[in-house]
Amino acid sequence: MEQAAIAILGAAAAWLSQDGRPRWARWACIVGLVGQPFWLAATWRAGQWGMLVVSLVFTAAWLRGIWSLWIAPARARAAGAAS
């Protein structure tokens, strides 16, 4: 189950990240972040500490995408509507 989730969500995130339509491409960070608990659990259980660190870096990268593609634009729209 874990490996299937990693494969499906990882591939979907990579696929979406390359979509030329920004409305689709911005979903890559959401899908990628949904897959991170599977990566973190698998690497922790296997004692693959290097991969665990890489998984944490990817978690930070996906969170950055959520900030820059979802939260910041929503805040900018809200600020524009308030003025």
C-alpha atoms as a PDB file:
ATOM      1  CA  MET A   1       0.000   0.000   0.000  1.00  0.00           C
ATOM      2  CA  GLU A   2       2.737   2.421   1.023  1.00  0.00           C
ATOM      3  CA  GLN A   3       4.835   1.842  -2.075  1.00  0.00           C
ATOM      4  CA  ALA A   4       1.794   2.115  -4.319  1.00  0.00           C
ATOM      5  CA  ALA A   5       0.876   5.467  -2.760  1.00  0.00           C
ATOM      6  CA  ILE A   6       4.454   6.707  -3.183  1.00  0.00           C
ATOM      7  CA  ALA A   7       4.501   5.652  -6.843  1.00  0.00           C
ATOM      8  CA  ILE A   8       1.069   7.006  -7.758  1.00  0.00           C
ATOM      9  CA  LEU A   9       1.276  10.298  -5.870  1.00  0.00           C
ATOM     10  CA  GLY A  10       4.890  10.937  -6.844  1.00  0.00           C
ATOM     11  CA  ALA A  11       4.208  10.333 -10.520  1.00  0.00           C
ATOM     12  CA  ALA A  12       1.051  12.439 -10.422  1.00  0.00           C
ATOM     13  CA  ALA A  13       2.893  15.325  -8.746  1.00  0.00           C
ATOM     14  CA  ALA A  14       5.700  15.183 -11.313  1.00  0.00           C
ATOM     15  CA  TRP A  15       3.176  14.996 -14.165  1.00  0.00           C
ATOM     16  CA  LEU A  16       1.190  17.954 -12.858  1.00  0.00           C
ATOM     17  CA  SER A  17       4.317  20.026 -12.265  1.00  0.00           C
ATOM     18  CA  GLN A  18       5.020  19.877 -16.000  1.00  0.00           C
ATOM     19  CA  ASP A  19       1.527  20.852 -17.126  1.00  0.00           C
ATOM     20  CA  GLY A  20       1.545  24.023 -19.190  1.00  0.00           C
ATOM     21  CA  ARG A  21      -1.684  25.201 -17.635  1.00  0.00           C
ATOM     22  CA  PRO A  22      -0.967  27.043 -14.363  1.00  0.00           C
ATOM     23  CA  ARG A  23      -4.364  26.089 -12.931  1.00  0.00           C
ATOM     24  CA  TRP A  24      -3.349  22.408 -13.218  1.00  0.00           C
ATOM     25  CA  ALA A  25       0.363  22.759 -12.477  1.00  0.00           C
ATOM     26  CA  ARG A  26      -0.264  24.377  -9.103  1.00  0.00           C
ATOM     27  CA  TRP A  27      -1.889  21.134  -7.900  1.00  0.00           C
ATOM     28  CA  ALA A  28       1.510  19.397  -8.044  1.00  0.00           C
ATOM     29  CA  CYS A  29       2.472  20.710  -4.606  1.00  0.00           C
ATOM     30  CA  ILE A  30      -0.800  19.496  -3.063  1.00  0.00           C
ATOM     31  CA  VAL A  31      -0.468  16.010  -4.543  1.00  0.00           C
ATOM     32  CA  GLY A  32       3.223  15.891  -3.660  1.00  0.00           C
ATOM     33  CA  LEU A  33       2.550  16.896  -0.071  1.00  0.00           C
ATOM     34  CA  VAL A  34      -0.167  14.224   0.265  1.00  0.00           C
ATOM     35  CA  GLY A  35       2.474  11.648  -0.666  1.00  0.00           C
ATOM     36  CA  GLN A  36       5.042  12.816   1.877  1.00  0.00           C
ATOM     37  CA  PRO A  37       3.685  10.930   4.912  1.00  0.00           C
ATOM     38  CA  PHE A  38       4.161   7.694   2.958  1.00  0.00           C
ATOM     39  CA  TRP A  39       7.749   8.629   2.139  1.00  0.00           C
ATOM     40  CA  LEU A  40       8.483   9.669   5.702  1.00  0.00           C
ATOM     41  CA  ALA A  41       6.989   6.519   7.198  1.00  0.00           C
ATOM     42  CA  ALA A  42       8.729   4.208   4.727  1.00  0.00           C
ATOM     43  CA  THR A  43      12.148   5.770   5.183  1.00  0.00           C
ATOM     44  CA  TRP A  44      11.779   5.896   8.976  1.00  0.00           C
ATOM     45  CA  ARG A  45      10.750   2.242   9.217  1.00  0.00           C
ATOM     46  CA  ALA A  46      13.542   1.139   6.883  1.00  0.00           C
ATOM     47  CA  GLY A  47      16.132   3.175   8.775  1.00  0.00           C
ATOM     48  CA  GLN A  48      17.136   4.979   5.580  1.00  0.00           C
ATOM     49  CA  TRP A  49      18.264   8.159   7.283  1.00  0.00           C
ATOM     50  CA  GLY A  50      19.644   9.797   4.159  1.00  0.00           C
ATOM     51  CA  MET A  51      16.365   9.266   2.333  1.00  0.00           C
ATOM     52  CA  LEU A  52      14.486  10.531   5.382  1.00  0.00           C
ATOM     53  CA  VAL A  53      16.438  13.783   5.149  1.00  0.00           C
ATOM     54  CA  VAL A  54      15.700  13.992   1.423  1.00  0.00           C
ATOM     55  CA  SER A  55      12.008  13.366   2.172  1.00  0.00           C
ATOM     56  CA  LEU A  56      12.033  16.240   4.667  1.00  0.00           C
ATOM     57  CA  VAL A  57      13.605  18.509   2.037  1.00  0.00           C
ATOM     58  CA  PHE A  58      10.886  17.509  -0.437  1.00  0.00           C
ATOM     59  CA  THR A  59       8.249  18.215   2.241  1.00  0.00           C
ATOM     60  CA  ALA A  60       9.678  21.722   2.632  1.00  0.00           C
ATOM     61  CA  ALA A  61       9.704  22.189  -1.152  1.00  0.00           C
ATOM     62  CA  TRP A  62       6.061  21.111  -1.489  1.00  0.00           C
ATOM     63  CA  LEU A  63       5.126  23.437   1.395  1.00  0.00           C
ATOM     64  CA  ARG A  64       6.916  26.260  -0.396  1.00  0.00           C
ATOM     65  CA  GLY A  65       4.789  25.546  -3.469  1.00  0.00           C
ATOM     66  CA  ILE A  66       1.623  25.676  -1.382  1.00  0.00           C
ATOM     67  CA  TRP A  67       2.723  29.025   0.005  1.00  0.00           C
ATOM     68  CA  SER A  68       3.703  30.558  -3.326  1.00  0.00           C
ATOM     69  CA  LEU A  69       0.934  29.086  -5.489  1.00  0.00           C
ATOM     70  CA  TRP A  70      -2.030  29.004  -3.102  1.00  0.00           C
ATOM     71  CA  ILE A  71      -1.647  31.066   0.080  1.00  0.00           C
ATOM     72  CA  ALA A  72       0.236  34.128  -1.181  1.00  0.00           C
ATOM     73  CA  PRO A  73      -2.061  34.657  -4.209  1.00  0.00           C
ATOM     74  CA  ALA A  74      -5.159  34.266  -2.007  1.00  0.00           C
ATOM     75  CA  ARG A  75      -3.762  36.834   0.428  1.00  0.00           C
ATOM     76  CA  ALA A  76      -2.998  39.219  -2.445  1.00  0.00           C
ATOM     77  CA  ARG A  77      -6.541  38.847  -3.802  1.00  0.00           C
ATOM     78  CA  ALA A  78      -7.994  39.420  -0.336  1.00  0.00           C
ATOM     79  CA  ALA A  79      -5.834  42.512   0.164  1.00  0.00           C
ATOM     80  CA  GLY A  80      -6.889  43.841  -3.235  1.00  0.00           C
ATOM     81  CA  ALA A  81     -10.561  43.278  -2.462  1.00  0.00           C
ATOM     82  CA  ALA A  82     -10.228  45.029   0.892  1.00  0.00           C
ATOM     83  CA  SER A  83      -8.876  48.243  -0.610  1.00  0.00           C
END
